Protein backbone atom coordinates (compact mmCIF):
# COMPACT_ATOMS: atom_id res chain seq x y z
CA MET A 1 126.52 111.39 19.31
CA ALA A 2 125.59 109.27 16.29
CA LEU A 3 128.59 110.52 14.33
CA ALA A 4 131.00 109.89 17.23
CA ASN A 5 129.57 106.38 17.70
CA PRO A 6 128.59 105.05 14.28
CA LEU A 7 127.76 101.59 15.63
CA TRP A 8 125.17 102.91 18.08
CA GLY A 9 121.55 102.64 17.09
CA ALA A 10 118.60 104.80 18.10
CA PRO A 11 117.82 102.82 21.31
CA ARG A 12 121.37 103.28 22.61
CA ILE A 13 121.52 107.00 21.77
CA HIS A 14 118.04 107.48 23.23
CA GLY A 15 119.25 105.90 26.50
CA GLU A 16 122.23 108.26 26.67
CA LEU A 17 120.03 111.28 25.93
CA LEU A 18 117.71 110.25 28.77
CA LYS A 19 120.74 110.09 31.09
CA LEU A 20 121.57 113.65 30.03
CA GLY A 21 118.08 114.85 30.94
CA PHE A 22 116.74 115.24 27.40
CA ASP A 23 113.11 114.12 27.23
CA VAL A 24 112.83 112.96 23.64
CA SER A 25 111.19 109.87 22.18
CA GLN A 26 113.20 107.04 20.70
CA ARG A 27 111.23 107.43 17.47
CA THR A 28 112.39 111.05 17.19
CA VAL A 29 115.99 109.99 17.74
CA ALA A 30 115.66 107.34 15.02
CA ARG A 31 114.12 109.83 12.62
CA LEU A 32 116.91 112.39 13.18
CA MET A 33 119.82 109.98 12.96
CA PRO A 34 121.95 110.22 9.81
CA ARG A 35 121.12 107.54 7.25
CA ARG A 36 123.83 104.96 6.70
CA SER A 37 124.11 102.76 3.69
CA LYS A 38 124.15 99.16 4.81
CA PRO A 39 127.19 97.30 3.51
CA SER A 40 126.64 93.75 2.37
CA SER A 41 127.12 91.25 5.15
CA GLN A 42 130.41 89.40 5.17
CA THR A 43 130.55 85.66 4.86
CA TRP A 44 131.55 83.37 7.70
CA ARG A 45 134.80 82.60 5.86
CA THR A 46 135.62 86.33 5.55
CA PHE A 47 134.92 86.81 9.25
CA LEU A 48 137.29 84.00 10.17
CA GLU A 49 140.02 85.31 7.84
CA ASN A 50 139.68 88.78 9.37
CA HIS A 51 139.86 87.53 12.97
CA ILE A 52 142.10 84.45 12.78
CA ALA A 53 144.98 86.31 14.42
CA GLY A 54 142.99 86.66 17.64
CA LEU A 55 141.17 83.32 17.73
CA LEU A 56 142.02 80.86 20.48
CA SER A 57 140.44 77.61 21.53
CA ILE A 58 140.39 76.17 25.01
CA ASP A 59 139.87 72.47 25.56
CA PHE A 60 139.60 70.39 28.70
CA PHE A 61 139.78 66.64 28.14
CA LEU A 62 140.42 63.36 29.99
CA VAL A 63 143.28 60.93 29.50
CA PRO A 64 142.96 57.44 31.01
CA THR A 65 146.18 56.15 32.59
CA ALA A 66 147.70 52.65 32.62
CA THR A 67 146.81 52.37 36.32
CA PHE A 68 143.11 53.07 35.61
CA GLY A 69 143.36 56.63 36.82
CA VAL A 70 142.27 59.74 34.97
CA LEU A 71 144.30 62.83 34.13
CA TYR A 72 142.67 66.13 33.17
CA VAL A 73 144.37 68.13 30.42
CA PHE A 74 143.83 71.86 29.86
CA VAL A 75 144.99 73.12 26.43
CA VAL A 76 144.94 76.55 24.76
CA LEU A 77 145.44 76.58 20.98
CA LEU A 78 146.30 79.61 18.85
CA HIS A 79 144.52 79.16 15.51
CA ARG A 80 146.69 81.46 13.41
CA HIS A 81 149.79 79.30 13.78
CA ARG A 82 148.03 76.07 14.73
CA GLN A 83 150.12 75.87 17.88
CA VAL A 84 149.62 75.01 21.52
CA VAL A 85 150.31 78.17 23.53
CA HIS A 86 149.58 76.68 26.96
CA PHE A 87 148.79 73.33 28.52
CA ASN A 88 148.81 71.70 31.91
CA VAL A 89 147.77 68.38 33.42
CA THR A 90 146.34 67.50 36.83
CA ASP A 91 144.67 64.55 38.48
CA SER A 92 142.20 66.69 40.42
CA PRO A 93 141.14 69.95 38.73
CA THR A 94 139.54 72.65 40.84
CA ALA A 95 137.98 75.96 39.89
CA ALA A 96 141.05 77.74 41.30
CA TRP A 97 143.41 75.54 39.25
CA THR A 98 141.41 76.18 36.08
CA ALA A 99 141.34 79.93 36.72
CA GLN A 100 145.11 79.88 37.22
CA GLN A 101 145.55 78.15 33.85
CA ILE A 102 143.55 80.91 32.16
CA ILE A 103 145.64 83.59 33.88
CA GLU A 104 148.85 81.89 32.75
CA ALA A 105 147.56 81.34 29.22
CA PHE A 106 146.50 84.90 28.47
CA PRO A 107 148.80 87.92 28.48
CA ARG A 108 148.31 90.56 31.16
CA TYR A 109 147.30 93.18 28.58
CA LEU A 110 144.26 91.09 27.72
CA LEU A 111 143.25 90.94 31.36
CA ARG A 112 143.60 94.75 31.61
CA ARG A 113 141.51 95.12 28.46
CA LEU A 114 138.78 92.88 29.84
CA ARG A 115 138.71 94.76 33.16
CA SER A 116 138.45 98.05 31.26
CA TYR A 117 135.55 96.74 29.19
CA LEU A 118 133.75 95.42 32.27
CA ARG A 119 134.07 98.85 33.95
CA TYR A 120 132.56 100.42 30.82
CA TYR A 121 129.84 97.74 30.45
CA HIS A 122 128.71 97.96 34.07
CA GLY A 123 129.26 101.65 34.71
CA SER A 124 128.51 103.47 31.48
CA ARG A 125 126.71 101.39 28.87
CA THR A 126 122.93 101.68 28.87
CA HIS A 127 120.89 98.47 28.54
CA LEU A 128 117.40 98.07 27.13
CA ALA A 129 116.56 95.41 29.73
CA LEU A 130 117.42 97.86 32.54
CA GLU A 131 115.11 100.57 31.20
CA LYS A 132 118.07 102.25 29.48
CA ASP A 133 120.23 102.47 32.58
CA ALA A 134 123.60 100.91 33.33
CA PRO A 135 123.97 97.91 35.71
CA GLU A 136 125.57 100.38 38.13
CA PRO A 137 122.91 103.11 37.83
CA ARG A 138 123.95 106.60 36.72
CA ALA A 139 122.16 109.73 37.79
CA VAL A 140 120.41 111.84 35.17
CA GLU A 141 122.54 114.89 34.35
CA LEU A 142 120.29 117.79 33.43
CA PRO A 143 121.34 120.24 30.68
CA LYS A 144 121.60 123.09 33.21
CA ARG A 145 124.74 121.40 34.65
CA GLY A 146 126.77 122.48 31.65
CA ARG A 147 127.79 121.78 28.10
CA VAL A 148 127.64 118.17 26.89
CA VAL A 149 131.05 116.78 25.93
CA ALA A 150 132.15 113.37 24.70
CA LEU A 151 134.55 111.36 26.84
CA PRO A 152 136.27 108.26 25.43
CA VAL A 153 135.47 105.29 27.67
CA SER A 154 136.71 102.33 25.64
CA ALA A 155 138.46 101.78 22.34
CA ASP A 156 135.25 101.59 20.33
CA SER A 157 132.82 103.89 22.09
CA THR A 158 132.38 107.33 23.53
CA ILE A 159 130.00 108.46 26.22
CA ALA A 160 128.42 111.88 26.52
CA THR A 161 128.40 113.71 29.81
CA SER A 162 128.06 117.22 31.04
CA ALA A 163 131.06 119.52 31.37
CA ALA A 164 130.27 120.02 35.07
CA ARG A 165 130.85 116.33 35.80
CA ARG A 166 134.04 116.32 33.73
CA SER A 167 135.50 119.30 35.57
CA ARG A 168 134.59 117.82 38.97
CA SER A 169 136.57 114.64 38.30
CA ARG A 170 139.83 116.50 37.60
């Protein structure tokens, strides 16, 4: 599990093992995990250079009018090209109007990606604050249910489950 998910630490792997019915301490998991050399931390500038292609800013500001009114401006800026990718103006913004601006500003693939991540985050990912369970609790799957296999859940993680559950969902 540690090799399939190199970014997972002992607490996360321990939570998954508990969900698979393995009664092992977190300290044992930490002791048995492969040692990784820690690369030097990147600088803030390096981080920005690596992620500039995906960085956006959203701003909401007021513009006073000549008739003493106020207009509300919603702007989305793409940092890579320093360009405005979406804007709109209204005299009475509502939550629904603002949500519509976000939907129009971001491509549909991003919305699909976010929905996929939320399904993973709420349904599969274990959380320390929830006693190593997911927000939508998962039942413990005992080893007698079958062989443990890894199922990809999102682009950067894999979750372990028993073969019995996998074959049932087909």
